[in-house]
Amino acid sequence: MNPFIQNILAIAALIIAVGFIITKFFLKKKQSKKSCSGDGDCGCH
């Protein structure tokens, strides 16, 4: 395989992986703020 194409694929995979990790981290943070934690009064009424 051409080294140039291989580098492009490796960088693309790295960007996708880092983006996925960042997205999971921020989504987890947002969900914990909006969590009702079982008491039923989460301010969304």
N, C-alpha and C. Protein backbone atom coordinates (compact mmCIF):
# COMPACT_ATOMS: atom_id res chain seq x y z
N MET A 1 0.86 -1.19 0.00
CA MET A 1 0.00 0.00 0.00
C MET A 1 0.89 1.24 0.00
N ASN A 2 0.42 2.25 -0.67
CA ASN A 2 1.16 3.51 -0.73
C ASN A 2 1.27 4.13 0.67
N PRO A 3 2.48 4.51 1.11
CA PRO A 3 2.63 5.08 2.46
C PRO A 3 1.81 6.35 2.67
N PHE A 4 1.62 7.13 1.60
CA PHE A 4 0.82 8.36 1.72
C PHE A 4 -0.63 8.03 2.07
N ILE A 5 -1.20 7.06 1.38
CA ILE A 5 -2.58 6.64 1.65
C ILE A 5 -2.68 6.04 3.05
N GLN A 6 -1.67 5.27 3.44
CA GLN A 6 -1.68 4.66 4.76
C GLN A 6 -1.65 5.73 5.85
N ASN A 7 -0.86 6.78 5.65
CA ASN A 7 -0.82 7.88 6.63
C ASN A 7 -2.16 8.60 6.71
N ILE A 8 -2.79 8.82 5.59
CA ILE A 8 -4.10 9.48 5.59
C ILE A 8 -5.12 8.63 6.35
N LEU A 9 -5.12 7.33 6.12
CA LEU A 9 -6.06 6.45 6.81
C LEU A 9 -5.77 6.40 8.31
N ALA A 10 -4.50 6.40 8.69
CA ALA A 10 -4.16 6.37 10.11
C ALA A 10 -4.58 7.65 10.81
N ILE A 11 -4.35 8.79 10.17
CA ILE A 11 -4.74 10.08 10.76
C ILE A 11 -6.26 10.17 10.85
N ALA A 12 -6.97 9.70 9.82
CA ALA A 12 -8.44 9.73 9.86
C ALA A 12 -8.96 8.85 11.00
N ALA A 13 -8.37 7.67 11.18
CA ALA A 13 -8.80 6.79 12.27
C ALA A 13 -8.53 7.43 13.62
N LEU A 14 -7.39 8.10 13.76
CA LEU A 14 -7.06 8.78 15.01
C LEU A 14 -8.04 9.91 15.31
N ILE A 15 -8.38 10.70 14.29
CA ILE A 15 -9.33 11.81 14.48
C ILE A 15 -10.71 11.27 14.87
N ILE A 16 -11.14 10.19 14.23
CA ILE A 16 -12.44 9.61 14.56
C ILE A 16 -12.44 9.07 15.99
N ALA A 17 -11.35 8.41 16.38
CA ALA A 17 -11.27 7.85 17.73
C ALA A 17 -11.27 8.95 18.79
N VAL A 18 -10.49 10.00 18.57
CA VAL A 18 -10.44 11.10 19.54
C VAL A 18 -11.80 11.80 19.60
N GLY A 19 -12.42 12.01 18.45
CA GLY A 19 -13.74 12.63 18.43
C GLY A 19 -14.78 11.80 19.17
N PHE A 20 -14.70 10.48 19.01
CA PHE A 20 -15.64 9.60 19.71
C PHE A 20 -15.44 9.68 21.22
N ILE A 21 -14.18 9.68 21.66
CA ILE A 21 -13.90 9.75 23.10
C ILE A 21 -14.37 11.09 23.66
N ILE A 22 -14.11 12.18 22.97
CA ILE A 22 -14.54 13.50 23.45
C ILE A 22 -16.07 13.56 23.49
N THR A 23 -16.73 13.04 22.46
CA THR A 23 -18.19 13.05 22.42
C THR A 23 -18.76 12.25 23.58
N LYS A 24 -18.23 11.07 23.84
CA LYS A 24 -18.71 10.26 24.95
C LYS A 24 -18.50 10.97 26.28
N PHE A 25 -17.35 11.64 26.43
CA PHE A 25 -17.06 12.34 27.67
C PHE A 25 -18.06 13.48 27.91
N PHE A 26 -18.30 14.29 26.88
CA PHE A 26 -19.20 15.43 27.06
C PHE A 26 -20.65 14.98 27.19
N LEU A 27 -21.07 13.94 26.48
CA LEU A 27 -22.43 13.46 26.63
C LEU A 27 -22.65 12.89 28.02
N LYS A 28 -21.67 12.21 28.55
CA LYS A 28 -21.78 11.65 29.89
C LYS A 28 -21.90 12.77 30.92
N LYS A 29 -21.15 13.86 30.73
CA LYS A 29 -21.22 15.00 31.63
C LYS A 29 -22.61 15.65 31.59
N LYS A 30 -23.15 15.85 30.39
CA LYS A 30 -24.46 16.49 30.27
C LYS A 30 -25.56 15.62 30.87
N GLN A 31 -25.49 14.31 30.68
CA GLN A 31 -26.52 13.42 31.22
C GLN A 31 -26.50 13.42 32.74
N SER A 32 -25.30 13.53 33.35
CA SER A 32 -25.24 13.51 34.80
C SER A 32 -25.85 14.79 35.39
N LYS A 33 -25.78 15.92 34.66
CA LYS A 33 -26.39 17.15 35.15
C LYS A 33 -27.92 17.07 35.09
N LYS A 34 -28.45 16.45 34.06
CA LYS A 34 -29.90 16.39 33.87
C LYS A 34 -30.54 15.19 34.57
N SER A 35 -29.75 14.41 35.25
CA SER A 35 -30.27 13.20 35.89
C SER A 35 -31.21 13.55 37.03
N CYS A 36 -32.31 12.86 37.11
CA CYS A 36 -33.27 13.09 38.19
C CYS A 36 -32.87 12.35 39.46
N SER A 37 -32.05 11.36 39.36
CA SER A 37 -31.55 10.52 40.46
C SER A 37 -32.67 9.92 41.30
N GLY A 38 -33.81 9.62 40.68
CA GLY A 38 -34.85 8.84 41.34
C GLY A 38 -35.85 9.64 42.16
N ASP A 39 -35.64 10.92 42.43
CA ASP A 39 -36.59 11.66 43.27
C ASP A 39 -37.74 12.27 42.45
N GLY A 40 -37.66 12.24 41.14
CA GLY A 40 -38.77 12.65 40.30
C GLY A 40 -38.90 14.16 40.11
N ASP A 41 -38.07 14.96 40.73
CA ASP A 41 -38.16 16.41 40.58
C ASP A 41 -36.86 16.91 39.92
N CYS A 42 -36.82 16.81 38.59
CA CYS A 42 -35.60 17.22 37.88
C CYS A 42 -35.77 18.56 37.19
N GLY A 43 -36.86 19.28 37.43
CA GLY A 43 -37.06 20.60 36.85
C GLY A 43 -37.40 20.58 35.39
N CYS A 44 -37.91 19.48 34.87
CA CYS A 44 -38.24 19.40 33.46
C CYS A 44 -39.75 19.45 33.23
N HIS A 45 -40.51 19.83 34.21
CA HIS A 45 -41.98 19.87 34.08
C HIS A 45 -42.41 21.24 33.59
